[in-house]
N, C-alpha and C. Protein backbone atom coordinates (compact mmCIF):
# COMPACT_ATOMS: atom_id res chain seq x y z
N UNK A 1 124.39 106.23 61.03
CA UNK A 1 123.40 105.28 61.28
C UNK A 1 122.08 105.65 60.86
N UNK A 2 121.19 104.84 60.45
CA UNK A 2 119.86 105.17 59.86
C UNK A 2 118.93 105.79 60.99
N UNK A 3 118.97 105.23 62.15
CA UNK A 3 118.00 105.67 63.19
C UNK A 3 118.37 107.10 63.77
N UNK A 4 119.70 107.42 63.64
CA UNK A 4 120.12 108.74 64.05
C UNK A 4 119.75 109.80 63.10
N UNK A 5 119.99 109.50 61.79
CA UNK A 5 119.68 110.46 60.74
C UNK A 5 118.22 110.69 60.57
N UNK A 6 117.40 109.63 60.47
CA UNK A 6 115.95 109.80 60.26
C UNK A 6 115.16 109.83 61.51
N UNK A 7 115.70 109.58 62.71
CA UNK A 7 114.97 109.59 64.05
C UNK A 7 113.94 108.47 64.05
N UNK A 8 114.07 107.55 63.14
CA UNK A 8 113.15 106.44 63.16
C UNK A 8 113.84 105.23 63.92
N UNK A 9 112.95 104.47 64.63
CA UNK A 9 113.46 103.24 65.22
C UNK A 9 113.79 102.24 64.19
N UNK A 10 114.76 101.48 64.38
CA UNK A 10 115.19 100.38 63.49
C UNK A 10 114.92 99.08 64.23
N UNK A 11 114.10 98.30 63.61
CA UNK A 11 113.73 96.94 64.14
C UNK A 11 114.51 95.87 63.58
N UNK A 12 115.17 95.13 64.33
CA UNK A 12 115.94 94.02 63.88
C UNK A 12 115.06 92.68 64.14
N UNK A 13 114.98 91.96 63.00
CA UNK A 13 114.15 90.77 63.07
C UNK A 13 114.89 89.49 63.18
N UNK A 14 114.39 88.46 63.73
CA UNK A 14 114.95 87.16 63.73
C UNK A 14 113.87 86.22 63.24
N UNK A 15 114.10 85.52 62.24
CA UNK A 15 113.17 84.65 61.51
C UNK A 15 111.82 85.31 61.20
N UNK A 16 112.01 86.55 60.81
CA UNK A 16 110.80 87.41 60.31
C UNK A 16 109.96 88.03 61.46
N UNK A 17 110.44 87.91 62.74
CA UNK A 17 109.73 88.46 63.78
C UNK A 17 110.57 89.53 64.48
N UNK A 18 109.91 90.63 64.91
CA UNK A 18 110.69 91.61 65.69
C UNK A 18 111.37 91.14 66.90
N UNK A 19 112.66 91.49 67.03
CA UNK A 19 113.41 90.95 68.09
C UNK A 19 114.08 92.01 68.94
N UNK A 20 114.65 93.08 68.28
CA UNK A 20 115.37 94.17 68.96
C UNK A 20 115.03 95.38 68.28
N UNK A 21 114.93 96.53 69.04
CA UNK A 21 114.67 97.77 68.62
C UNK A 21 115.90 98.67 68.87
N UNK A 22 116.33 99.38 67.92
CA UNK A 22 117.47 100.32 67.99
C UNK A 22 117.06 101.74 67.73
N UNK A 23 117.26 102.66 68.74
CA UNK A 23 116.85 103.98 68.56
C UNK A 23 117.99 104.88 69.11
N UNK A 24 117.98 106.13 68.59
CA UNK A 24 118.96 107.09 69.04
C UNK A 24 118.94 107.39 70.52
N UNK A 25 120.03 107.79 71.11
CA UNK A 25 120.17 108.09 72.57
C UNK A 25 119.20 109.20 72.98
N UNK A 26 119.02 110.21 72.20
CA UNK A 26 118.12 111.26 72.44
C UNK A 26 116.66 110.83 72.44
N UNK A 27 116.29 109.95 71.61
CA UNK A 27 114.99 109.39 71.52
C UNK A 27 114.76 108.47 72.77
N UNK A 28 115.71 107.67 73.11
CA UNK A 28 115.71 106.87 74.19
C UNK A 28 115.44 107.62 75.56
N UNK A 29 116.25 108.76 75.79
CA UNK A 29 116.17 109.64 76.96
C UNK A 29 114.78 110.24 77.05
N UNK A 30 114.27 110.70 75.89
CA UNK A 30 112.95 111.23 75.78
C UNK A 30 111.84 110.26 76.14
N UNK A 31 111.93 109.05 75.59
CA UNK A 31 110.94 107.96 76.02
C UNK A 31 111.09 107.62 77.43
N UNK A 32 112.25 107.57 77.95
CA UNK A 32 112.47 107.21 79.41
C UNK A 32 111.81 108.34 80.29
N UNK A 33 112.01 109.59 79.88
CA UNK A 33 111.46 110.69 80.68
C UNK A 33 109.92 110.70 80.64
N UNK A 34 109.37 110.42 79.47
CA UNK A 34 107.93 110.42 79.27
C UNK A 34 107.37 109.19 80.18
N UNK A 35 108.01 108.17 80.19
CA UNK A 35 107.57 107.00 80.93
C UNK A 35 107.54 107.31 82.37
N UNK A 36 108.59 107.96 82.93
CA UNK A 36 108.61 108.31 84.30
C UNK A 36 107.53 109.31 84.68
N UNK A 37 107.29 110.27 83.81
CA UNK A 37 106.17 111.17 84.07
C UNK A 37 104.84 110.47 84.05
N UNK A 38 104.65 109.49 83.24
CA UNK A 38 103.38 108.80 83.14
C UNK A 38 103.24 107.99 84.41
N UNK A 39 104.31 107.41 84.97
CA UNK A 39 104.24 106.62 86.17
C UNK A 39 103.96 107.57 87.34
N UNK A 40 104.59 108.76 87.37
CA UNK A 40 104.29 109.60 88.45
C UNK A 40 102.82 110.17 88.43
N UNK A 41 102.34 110.42 87.23
CA UNK A 41 100.93 110.88 87.10
C UNK A 41 99.94 109.75 87.53
N UNK A 42 100.27 108.47 87.23
CA UNK A 42 99.45 107.31 87.62
C UNK A 42 99.44 107.23 89.07
N UNK A 43 100.65 107.40 89.75
CA UNK A 43 100.67 107.43 91.23
C UNK A 43 99.83 108.52 91.84
N UNK A 44 99.97 109.62 91.24
CA UNK A 44 99.20 110.90 91.78
C UNK A 44 97.72 110.61 91.59
N UNK A 45 97.36 110.00 90.51
CA UNK A 45 95.88 109.68 90.28
C UNK A 45 95.41 108.79 91.32
N UNK A 46 96.20 107.72 91.66
CA UNK A 46 95.83 106.80 92.70
C UNK A 46 95.72 107.46 94.12
N UNK A 47 96.63 108.38 94.31
CA UNK A 47 96.53 109.06 95.53
C UNK A 47 95.35 109.82 95.74
N UNK A 48 94.89 110.53 94.68
CA UNK A 48 93.64 111.26 94.71
C UNK A 48 92.45 110.33 94.90
N UNK A 49 92.41 109.28 94.17
CA UNK A 49 91.31 108.32 94.31
C UNK A 49 91.24 107.71 95.67
N UNK A 50 92.36 107.48 96.36
CA UNK A 50 92.41 106.93 97.61
C UNK A 50 92.28 108.00 98.78
N UNK A 51 92.18 109.26 98.39
CA UNK A 51 91.97 110.19 99.38
C UNK A 51 93.26 110.66 100.00
N UNK A 52 94.40 110.36 99.55
CA UNK A 52 95.72 110.71 100.04
C UNK A 52 96.13 112.09 99.41
N UNK A 53 95.45 113.07 99.93
CA UNK A 53 95.68 114.49 99.42
C UNK A 53 95.86 115.43 100.65
N UNK A 54 96.57 116.57 100.35
CA UNK A 54 96.69 117.56 101.33
C UNK A 54 96.60 118.91 100.74
N UNK A 55 96.36 119.97 101.47
CA UNK A 55 96.36 121.25 100.90
C UNK A 55 97.71 121.74 100.29
N UNK A 56 97.81 122.55 99.43
CA UNK A 56 98.94 123.01 98.90
C UNK A 56 99.89 123.62 99.98
N UNK A 57 99.24 124.45 100.75
CA UNK A 57 99.94 125.18 101.83
C UNK A 57 100.56 124.08 102.84
N UNK A 58 99.91 123.08 103.18
CA UNK A 58 100.31 122.07 104.13
C UNK A 58 101.63 121.40 103.47
N UNK A 59 101.42 121.03 102.15
CA UNK A 59 102.49 120.36 101.41
C UNK A 59 103.85 121.21 101.45
N UNK A 60 103.67 122.51 101.08
CA UNK A 60 104.81 123.42 101.04
C UNK A 60 105.37 123.63 102.42
N UNK A 61 104.62 123.68 103.43
CA UNK A 61 105.14 123.80 104.87
C UNK A 61 105.89 122.59 105.16
N UNK A 62 105.41 121.44 104.87
CA UNK A 62 106.07 120.23 105.13
C UNK A 62 107.47 120.14 104.39
N UNK A 63 107.53 120.42 103.08
CA UNK A 63 108.78 120.52 102.34
C UNK A 63 109.74 121.53 102.93
N UNK A 64 109.17 122.69 103.25
CA UNK A 64 110.05 123.71 103.84
C UNK A 64 110.64 123.25 105.19
N UNK A 65 109.90 122.60 105.98
CA UNK A 65 110.45 122.07 107.32
C UNK A 65 111.47 121.09 107.00
N UNK A 66 111.17 120.19 106.03
CA UNK A 66 112.24 119.15 105.79
C UNK A 66 113.51 119.68 105.21
N UNK A 67 113.41 120.73 104.42
CA UNK A 67 114.60 121.36 103.83
C UNK A 67 115.36 122.06 104.96
N UNK A 68 114.66 122.78 105.81
CA UNK A 68 115.34 123.45 107.01
C UNK A 68 116.00 122.43 107.87
N UNK A 69 115.33 121.30 108.24
CA UNK A 69 116.02 120.33 108.95
C UNK A 69 117.34 119.67 108.31
N UNK A 70 117.21 119.46 107.08
CA UNK A 70 118.33 118.95 106.33
C UNK A 70 119.52 120.02 106.35
N UNK A 71 119.18 121.25 106.11
CA UNK A 71 120.18 122.29 106.23
C UNK A 71 120.99 122.34 107.49
N UNK A 72 120.23 122.10 108.70
CA UNK A 72 120.90 122.21 109.87
C UNK A 72 121.94 121.10 110.10
N UNK A 73 121.62 119.89 109.38
CA UNK A 73 122.64 118.82 109.49
C UNK A 73 123.77 119.01 108.48
N UNK A 74 123.61 119.73 107.46
CA UNK A 74 124.57 120.07 106.50
C UNK A 74 125.77 120.99 106.89
N UNK A 75 125.37 121.80 107.96
CA UNK A 75 126.34 122.84 108.39
C UNK A 75 127.54 122.33 109.14
């Protein structure tokens, strides 16, 4: 298929207008990962702007406590 070999997106048109885009699975997964990263960064930016921040040490302490609590229930 053309889009797999050339790594270009294939646009299918209906009545001369773009209707559907076909791309390789690797390209799709890459695009999906990049979009998720951008959403996460936008959320983080909003957190900073809204003052929802904590020190790195506090954050790690909280994660560590959460993991230890989860481990107790998994045994």
